[in-house]
Amino acid sequence: MSTASAAPRTGSVLADLLPASRARDIALVVGGAALTGIAAQIAVPVPGSPVPVTGQTFAALLVGAGLGAGRGFLSLALYALIGMAGMPWFADGTSGAGGASFGYVLGMLLASTVVGALARRGADRSVLRTAGTMALGSAIIYAVGVPYLAASTGMSLTAAIAAGLTPFLIGDALKAALAMGLLPAAWKLLGRKG
């Protein structure tokens, strides 16, 4: 019975449960960018690393899962473009494209899109699938962010991994655990109303 009730929702993301309109989509895209910018201000410095721990990656992955690939991409593109234009809403209130952590912003753009595409296929509906989806999203962020960190700072790739990936793994596991609780619970709650 639960398979039958979930079947009509496959192909949808959480945002699709709101009444459809162009205004809705614009508000969701702007809201996703704003959420990411606000979450980026939750920043904790990491000793020995130019990259702080932030809520930004968690927000970017949630935006992708909640809005889907298209709106998730547009949200993170808007976030990146406005930050590059000078809005101080990257980590630690920075802006521009030249910082050591800008590669992570680019990675979030790609990760949000991939996570959104997977969410549309139901990857945010169960704890285990959500865990895999968040892990993949985090891996994409690092795959872009760590080499950018190395190139922008002159670090070796090994040093960039030590400064820009290793210290963040425990935090990423905690963020994934939070998403594993939030996303399937939201689907379950909204499934009962729908």
C-alpha atoms as a PDB file:
ATOM      1  CA  MET A   1       0.000   0.000   0.000  1.00  0.00           C
ATOM      2  CA  SER A   2       2.817   2.406   0.793  1.00  0.00           C
ATOM      3  CA  THR A   3       4.319   1.725  -2.657  1.00  0.00           C
ATOM      4  CA  ALA A   4       1.039   2.614  -4.327  1.00  0.00           C
ATOM      5  CA  SER A   5       0.691   5.855  -2.372  1.00  0.00           C
ATOM      6  CA  ALA A   6       4.323   6.848  -3.122  1.00  0.00           C
ATOM      7  CA  ALA A   7       4.139   5.963  -6.823  1.00  0.00           C
ATOM      8  CA  PRO A   8       2.305   9.106  -7.959  1.00  0.00           C
ATOM      9  CA  ARG A   9       4.926  11.240  -6.192  1.00  0.00           C
ATOM     10  CA  THR A  10       7.888   9.706  -8.024  1.00  0.00           C
ATOM     11  CA  GLY A  11       9.013  12.315 -10.505  1.00  0.00           C
ATOM     12  CA  SER A  12       8.191  15.080  -8.050  1.00  0.00           C
ATOM     13  CA  VAL A  13      10.236  17.018  -5.542  1.00  0.00           C
ATOM     14  CA  LEU A  14       8.907  18.666  -2.399  1.00  0.00           C
ATOM     15  CA  ALA A  15       8.500  22.038  -4.133  1.00  0.00           C
ATOM     16  CA  ASP A  16       6.176  20.442  -6.701  1.00  0.00           C
ATOM     17  CA  LEU A  17       3.609  19.912  -3.948  1.00  0.00           C
ATOM     18  CA  LEU A  18       3.012  23.680  -3.826  1.00  0.00           C
ATOM     19  CA  PRO A  19       0.503  25.174  -6.291  1.00  0.00           C
ATOM     20  CA  ALA A  20       2.315  25.650  -9.598  1.00  0.00           C
ATOM     21  CA  SER A  21       2.966  29.139 -10.945  1.00  0.00           C
ATOM     22  CA  ARG A  22       5.793  31.217 -12.319  1.00  0.00           C
ATOM     23  CA  ALA A  23       5.682  33.329  -9.145  1.00  0.00           C
ATOM     24  CA  ARG A  24       6.139  30.167  -7.058  1.00  0.00           C
ATOM     25  CA  ASP A  25       9.180  29.139  -9.061  1.00  0.00           C
ATOM     26  CA  ILE A  26      10.759  32.602  -8.835  1.00  0.00           C
ATOM     27  CA  ALA A  27      10.131  32.736  -5.089  1.00  0.00           C
ATOM     28  CA  LEU A  28      11.618  29.257  -4.629  1.00  0.00           C
ATOM     29  CA  VAL A  29      14.740  30.102  -6.638  1.00  0.00           C
ATOM     30  CA  VAL A  30      15.299  33.394  -4.788  1.00  0.00           C
ATOM     31  CA  GLY A  31      14.492  31.725  -1.467  1.00  0.00           C
ATOM     32  CA  GLY A  32      16.968  28.918  -2.151  1.00  0.00           C
ATOM     33  CA  ALA A  33      19.707  31.437  -2.933  1.00  0.00           C
ATOM     34  CA  ALA A  34      18.891  33.416   0.208  1.00  0.00           C
ATOM     35  CA  LEU A  35      18.845  30.278   2.374  1.00  0.00           C
ATOM     36  CA  THR A  36      22.280  29.324   1.072  1.00  0.00           C
ATOM     37  CA  GLY A  37      23.606  32.841   1.689  1.00  0.00           C
ATOM     38  CA  ILE A  38      22.251  32.904   5.229  1.00  0.00           C
ATOM     39  CA  ALA A  39      23.582  29.410   5.976  1.00  0.00           C
ATOM     40  CA  ALA A  40      27.020  30.479   4.714  1.00  0.00           C
ATOM     41  CA  GLN A  41      27.174  32.984   7.577  1.00  0.00           C
ATOM     42  CA  ILE A  42      27.159  30.106  10.061  1.00  0.00           C
ATOM     43  CA  ALA A  43      30.922  29.703   9.787  1.00  0.00           C
ATOM     44  CA  VAL A  44      33.448  28.139  12.130  1.00  0.00           C
ATOM     45  CA  PRO A  45      37.153  28.572  11.310  1.00  0.00           C
ATOM     46  CA  VAL A  46      39.205  25.415  10.890  1.00  0.00           C
ATOM     47  CA  PRO A  47      42.780  25.717  12.198  1.00  0.00           C
ATOM     48  CA  GLY A  48      45.254  25.373   9.337  1.00  0.00           C
ATOM     49  CA  SER A  49      42.619  25.747   6.617  1.00  0.00           C
ATOM     50  CA  PRO A  50      41.466  28.785   4.640  1.00  0.00           C
ATOM     51  CA  VAL A  51      38.051  27.103   4.368  1.00  0.00           C
ATOM     52  CA  PRO A  52      35.629  27.340   7.324  1.00  0.00           C
ATOM     53  CA  VAL A  53      32.958  24.841   8.306  1.00  0.00           C
ATOM     54  CA  THR A  54      29.633  26.388   7.231  1.00  0.00           C
ATOM     55  CA  GLY A  55      25.966  25.567   6.864  1.00  0.00           C
ATOM     56  CA  GLN A  56      26.279  26.549   3.205  1.00  0.00           C
ATOM     57  CA  THR A  57      26.879  23.046   1.819  1.00  0.00           C
ATOM     58  CA  PHE A  58      23.959  21.631   3.789  1.00  0.00           C
ATOM     59  CA  ALA A  59      21.670  24.380   2.471  1.00  0.00           C
ATOM     60  CA  ALA A  60      22.840  23.838  -1.114  1.00  0.00           C
ATOM     61  CA  LEU A  61      22.089  20.111  -0.938  1.00  0.00           C
ATOM     62  CA  LEU A  62      18.685  20.732   0.670  1.00  0.00           C
ATOM     63  CA  VAL A  63      17.877  23.307  -2.009  1.00  0.00           C
ATOM     64  CA  GLY A  64      18.670  20.751  -4.693  1.00  0.00           C
ATOM     65  CA  ALA A  65      16.629  18.018  -3.032  1.00  0.00           C
ATOM     66  CA  GLY A  66      13.688  20.263  -2.251  1.00  0.00           C
ATOM     67  CA  LEU A  67      13.527  22.225  -5.498  1.00  0.00           C
ATOM     68  CA  GLY A  68      14.774  19.723  -8.067  1.00  0.00           C
ATOM     69  CA  ALA A  69      17.596  19.997 -10.576  1.00  0.00           C
ATOM     70  CA  GLY A  70      16.367  22.995 -12.577  1.00  0.00           C
ATOM     71  CA  ARG A  71      15.307  25.255  -9.735  1.00  0.00           C
ATOM     72  CA  GLY A  72      18.223  24.022  -7.591  1.00  0.00           C
ATOM     73  CA  PHE A  73      20.678  24.962 -10.341  1.00  0.00           C
ATOM     74  CA  LEU A  74      19.054  28.379 -10.771  1.00  0.00           C
ATOM     75  CA  SER A  75      19.115  29.017  -7.004  1.00  0.00           C
ATOM     76  CA  LEU A  76      22.795  28.201  -6.675  1.00  0.00           C
ATOM     77  CA  ALA A  77      23.631  30.076  -9.887  1.00  0.00           C
ATOM     78  CA  LEU A  78      21.835  33.134  -8.496  1.00  0.00           C
ATOM     79  CA  TYR A  79      23.683  32.714  -5.195  1.00  0.00           C
ATOM     80  CA  ALA A  80      27.040  32.467  -7.010  1.00  0.00           C
ATOM     81  CA  LEU A  81      26.377  35.358  -9.403  1.00  0.00           C
ATOM     82  CA  ILE A  82      25.187  37.734  -6.700  1.00  0.00           C
ATOM     83  CA  GLY A  83      28.166  36.786  -4.526  1.00  0.00           C
ATOM     84  CA  MET A  84      30.553  37.314  -7.438  1.00  0.00           C
ATOM     85  CA  ALA A  85      28.946  40.711  -8.046  1.00  0.00           C
ATOM     86  CA  GLY A  86      29.865  41.800  -4.523  1.00  0.00           C
ATOM     87  CA  MET A  87      27.103  40.687  -2.159  1.00  0.00           C
ATOM     88  CA  PRO A  88      28.992  39.571   0.977  1.00  0.00           C
ATOM     89  CA  TRP A  89      27.104  36.318   1.481  1.00  0.00           C
ATOM     90  CA  PHE A  90      29.753  33.696   0.838  1.00  0.00           C
ATOM     91  CA  ALA A  91      31.359  32.097   3.907  1.00  0.00           C
ATOM     92  CA  ASP A  92      32.500  34.625   6.508  1.00  0.00           C
ATOM     93  CA  GLY A  93      30.725  37.471   4.687  1.00  0.00           C
ATOM     94  CA  THR A  94      33.053  37.377   1.694  1.00  0.00           C
ATOM     95  CA  SER A  95      32.259  37.893  -1.973  1.00  0.00           C
ATOM     96  CA  GLY A  96      33.960  37.589  -5.353  1.00  0.00           C
ATOM     97  CA  ALA A  97      35.328  34.733  -7.395  1.00  0.00           C
ATOM     98  CA  GLY A  98      38.944  34.806  -6.297  1.00  0.00           C
ATOM     99  CA  GLY A  99      38.802  33.324  -2.813  1.00  0.00           C
ATOM    100  CA  ALA A 100      40.274  29.977  -1.874  1.00  0.00           C
ATOM    101  CA  SER A 101      36.826  28.556  -1.124  1.00  0.00           C
ATOM    102  CA  PHE A 102      35.094  29.718  -4.326  1.00  0.00           C
ATOM    103  CA  GLY A 103      35.586  26.277  -5.869  1.00  0.00           C
ATOM    104  CA  TYR A 104      33.242  24.897  -3.232  1.00  0.00           C
ATOM    105  CA  VAL A 105      30.584  27.364  -4.403  1.00  0.00           C
ATOM    106  CA  LEU A 106      31.011  26.040  -7.946  1.00  0.00           C
ATOM    107  CA  GLY A 107      30.847  22.489  -6.615  1.00  0.00           C
ATOM    108  CA  MET A 108      27.620  23.318  -4.771  1.00  0.00           C
ATOM    109  CA  LEU A 109      26.104  24.504  -8.040  1.00  0.00           C
ATOM    110  CA  LEU A 110      26.818  21.143  -9.654  1.00  0.00           C
ATOM    111  CA  ALA A 111      25.930  19.132  -6.528  1.00  0.00           C
ATOM    112  CA  SER A 112      22.570  20.881  -6.117  1.00  0.00           C
ATOM    113  CA  THR A 113      21.716  19.979  -9.708  1.00  0.00           C
ATOM    114  CA  VAL A 114      22.690  16.319  -9.323  1.00  0.00           C
ATOM    115  CA  VAL A 115      20.968  15.970  -5.933  1.00  0.00           C
ATOM    116  CA  GLY A 116      17.848  17.589  -7.425  1.00  0.00           C
ATOM    117  CA  ALA A 117      17.823  15.138 -10.332  1.00  0.00           C
ATOM    118  CA  LEU A 118      18.181  12.220  -7.935  1.00  0.00           C
ATOM    119  CA  ALA A 119      15.453  13.588  -5.653  1.00  0.00           C
ATOM    120  CA  ARG A 120      13.103  13.699  -8.640  1.00  0.00           C
ATOM    121  CA  ARG A 121      13.774   9.963  -8.964  1.00  0.00           C
ATOM    122  CA  GLY A 122      12.844   9.372  -5.316  1.00  0.00           C
ATOM    123  CA  ALA A 123      16.320   9.496  -3.758  1.00  0.00           C
ATOM    124  CA  ASP A 124      15.094  11.694  -0.882  1.00  0.00           C
ATOM    125  CA  ARG A 125      12.199   9.455   0.196  1.00  0.00           C
ATOM    126  CA  SER A 126      14.012   6.963   2.443  1.00  0.00           C
ATOM    127  CA  VAL A 127      16.790   7.239   4.999  1.00  0.00           C
ATOM    128  CA  LEU A 128      19.258   5.060   3.076  1.00  0.00           C
ATOM    129  CA  ARG A 129      18.653   6.669  -0.314  1.00  0.00           C
ATOM    130  CA  THR A 130      18.912  10.127   1.251  1.00  0.00           C
ATOM    131  CA  ALA A 131      22.234   9.146   2.856  1.00  0.00           C
ATOM    132  CA  GLY A 132      23.618   8.060  -0.510  1.00  0.00           C
ATOM    133  CA  THR A 133      22.319  11.180  -2.217  1.00  0.00           C
ATOM    134  CA  MET A 134      23.882  13.506   0.373  1.00  0.00           C
ATOM    135  CA  ALA A 135      27.183  11.598   0.242  1.00  0.00           C
ATOM    136  CA  LEU A 136      27.283  11.920  -3.535  1.00  0.00           C
ATOM    137  CA  GLY A 137      26.439  15.634  -3.321  1.00  0.00           C
ATOM    138  CA  SER A 138      29.234  16.189  -0.796  1.00  0.00           C
ATOM    139  CA  ALA A 139      31.687  14.239  -2.976  1.00  0.00           C
ATOM    140  CA  ILE A 140      30.829  16.467  -5.952  1.00  0.00           C
ATOM    141  CA  ILE A 141      31.431  19.603  -3.876  1.00  0.00           C
ATOM    142  CA  TYR A 142      34.865  18.307  -2.833  1.00  0.00           C
ATOM    143  CA  ALA A 143      35.709  17.121  -6.358  1.00  0.00           C
ATOM    144  CA  VAL A 144      35.464  20.736  -7.526  1.00  0.00           C
ATOM    145  CA  GLY A 145      36.389  22.593  -4.334  1.00  0.00           C
ATOM    146  CA  VAL A 146      39.598  20.795  -3.351  1.00  0.00           C
ATOM    147  CA  PRO A 147      41.390  21.145  -6.728  1.00  0.00           C
ATOM    148  CA  TYR A 148      40.284  24.803  -6.876  1.00  0.00           C
ATOM    149  CA  LEU A 149      41.684  25.296  -3.360  1.00  0.00           C
ATOM    150  CA  ALA A 150      44.989  23.761  -4.452  1.00  0.00           C
ATOM    151  CA  ALA A 151      45.168  25.886  -7.604  1.00  0.00           C
ATOM    152  CA  SER A 152      44.169  29.157  -5.912  1.00  0.00           C
ATOM    153  CA  THR A 153      46.544  28.805  -2.964  1.00  0.00           C
ATOM    154  CA  GLY A 154      49.474  26.982  -4.564  1.00  0.00           C
ATOM    155  CA  MET A 155      48.995  24.030  -2.203  1.00  0.00           C
ATOM    156  CA  SER A 156      49.800  20.541  -3.367  1.00  0.00           C
ATOM    157  CA  LEU A 157      46.764  18.337  -3.905  1.00  0.00           C
ATOM    158  CA  THR A 158      47.729  16.357  -0.793  1.00  0.00           C
ATOM    159  CA  ALA A 159      47.881  19.549   1.283  1.00  0.00           C
ATOM    160  CA  ALA A 160      44.560  20.729  -0.176  1.00  0.00           C
ATOM    161  CA  ILE A 161      42.935  17.421   0.781  1.00  0.00           C
ATOM    162  CA  ALA A 162      44.338  17.754   4.305  1.00  0.00           C
ATOM    163  CA  ALA A 163      43.115  21.376   4.601  1.00  0.00           C
ATOM    164  CA  GLY A 164      39.958  21.312   2.499  1.00  0.00           C
ATOM    165  CA  LEU A 165      38.434  17.853   2.854  1.00  0.00           C
ATOM    166  CA  THR A 166      39.640  15.802   5.823  1.00  0.00           C
ATOM    167  CA  PRO A 167      38.616  18.274   8.584  1.00  0.00           C
ATOM    168  CA  PHE A 168      35.083  18.438   7.193  1.00  0.00           C
ATOM    169  CA  LEU A 169      34.159  14.756   7.011  1.00  0.00           C
ATOM    170  CA  ILE A 170      32.653  14.492  10.505  1.00  0.00           C
ATOM    171  CA  GLY A 171      30.563  17.631   9.938  1.00  0.00           C
ATOM    172  CA  ASP A 172      29.387  16.271   6.600  1.00  0.00           C
ATOM    173  CA  ALA A 173      28.334  13.034   8.276  1.00  0.00           C
ATOM    174  CA  LEU A 174      26.292  15.044  10.790  1.00  0.00           C
ATOM    175  CA  LYS A 175      24.703  17.124   7.993  1.00  0.00           C
ATOM    176  CA  ALA A 176      23.852  13.935   6.096  1.00  0.00           C
ATOM    177  CA  ALA A 177      22.282  12.466   9.227  1.00  0.00           C
ATOM    178  CA  LEU A 178      20.151  15.587   9.626  1.00  0.00           C
ATOM    179  CA  ALA A 179      19.042  15.382   5.988  1.00  0.00           C
ATOM    180  CA  MET A 180      18.325  11.662   6.437  1.00  0.00           C
ATOM    181  CA  GLY A 181      15.818  12.619   9.104  1.00  0.00           C
ATOM    182  CA  LEU A 182      14.362  15.755   7.503  1.00  0.00           C
ATOM    183  CA  LEU A 183      13.684  14.792   3.900  1.00  0.00           C
ATOM    184  CA  PRO A 184      11.997  11.371   4.344  1.00  0.00           C
ATOM    185  CA  ALA A 185      10.006  12.804   7.283  1.00  0.00           C
ATOM    186  CA  ALA A 186       8.786  15.702   5.138  1.00  0.00           C
ATOM    187  CA  TRP A 187       7.633  13.274   2.432  1.00  0.00           C
ATOM    188  CA  LYS A 188       5.906  11.100   4.998  1.00  0.00           C
ATOM    189  CA  LEU A 189       4.147  14.080   6.594  1.00  0.00           C
ATOM    190  CA  LEU A 190       3.073  15.552   3.253  1.00  0.00           C
ATOM    191  CA  GLY A 191       2.062  12.122   1.930  1.00  0.00           C
ATOM    192  CA  ARG A 192      -0.490  11.839   4.727  1.00  0.00           C
ATOM    193  CA  LYS A 193      -1.951  15.221   3.794  1.00  0.00           C
ATOM    194  CA  GLY A 194      -1.940  14.469   0.063  1.00  0.00           C
END
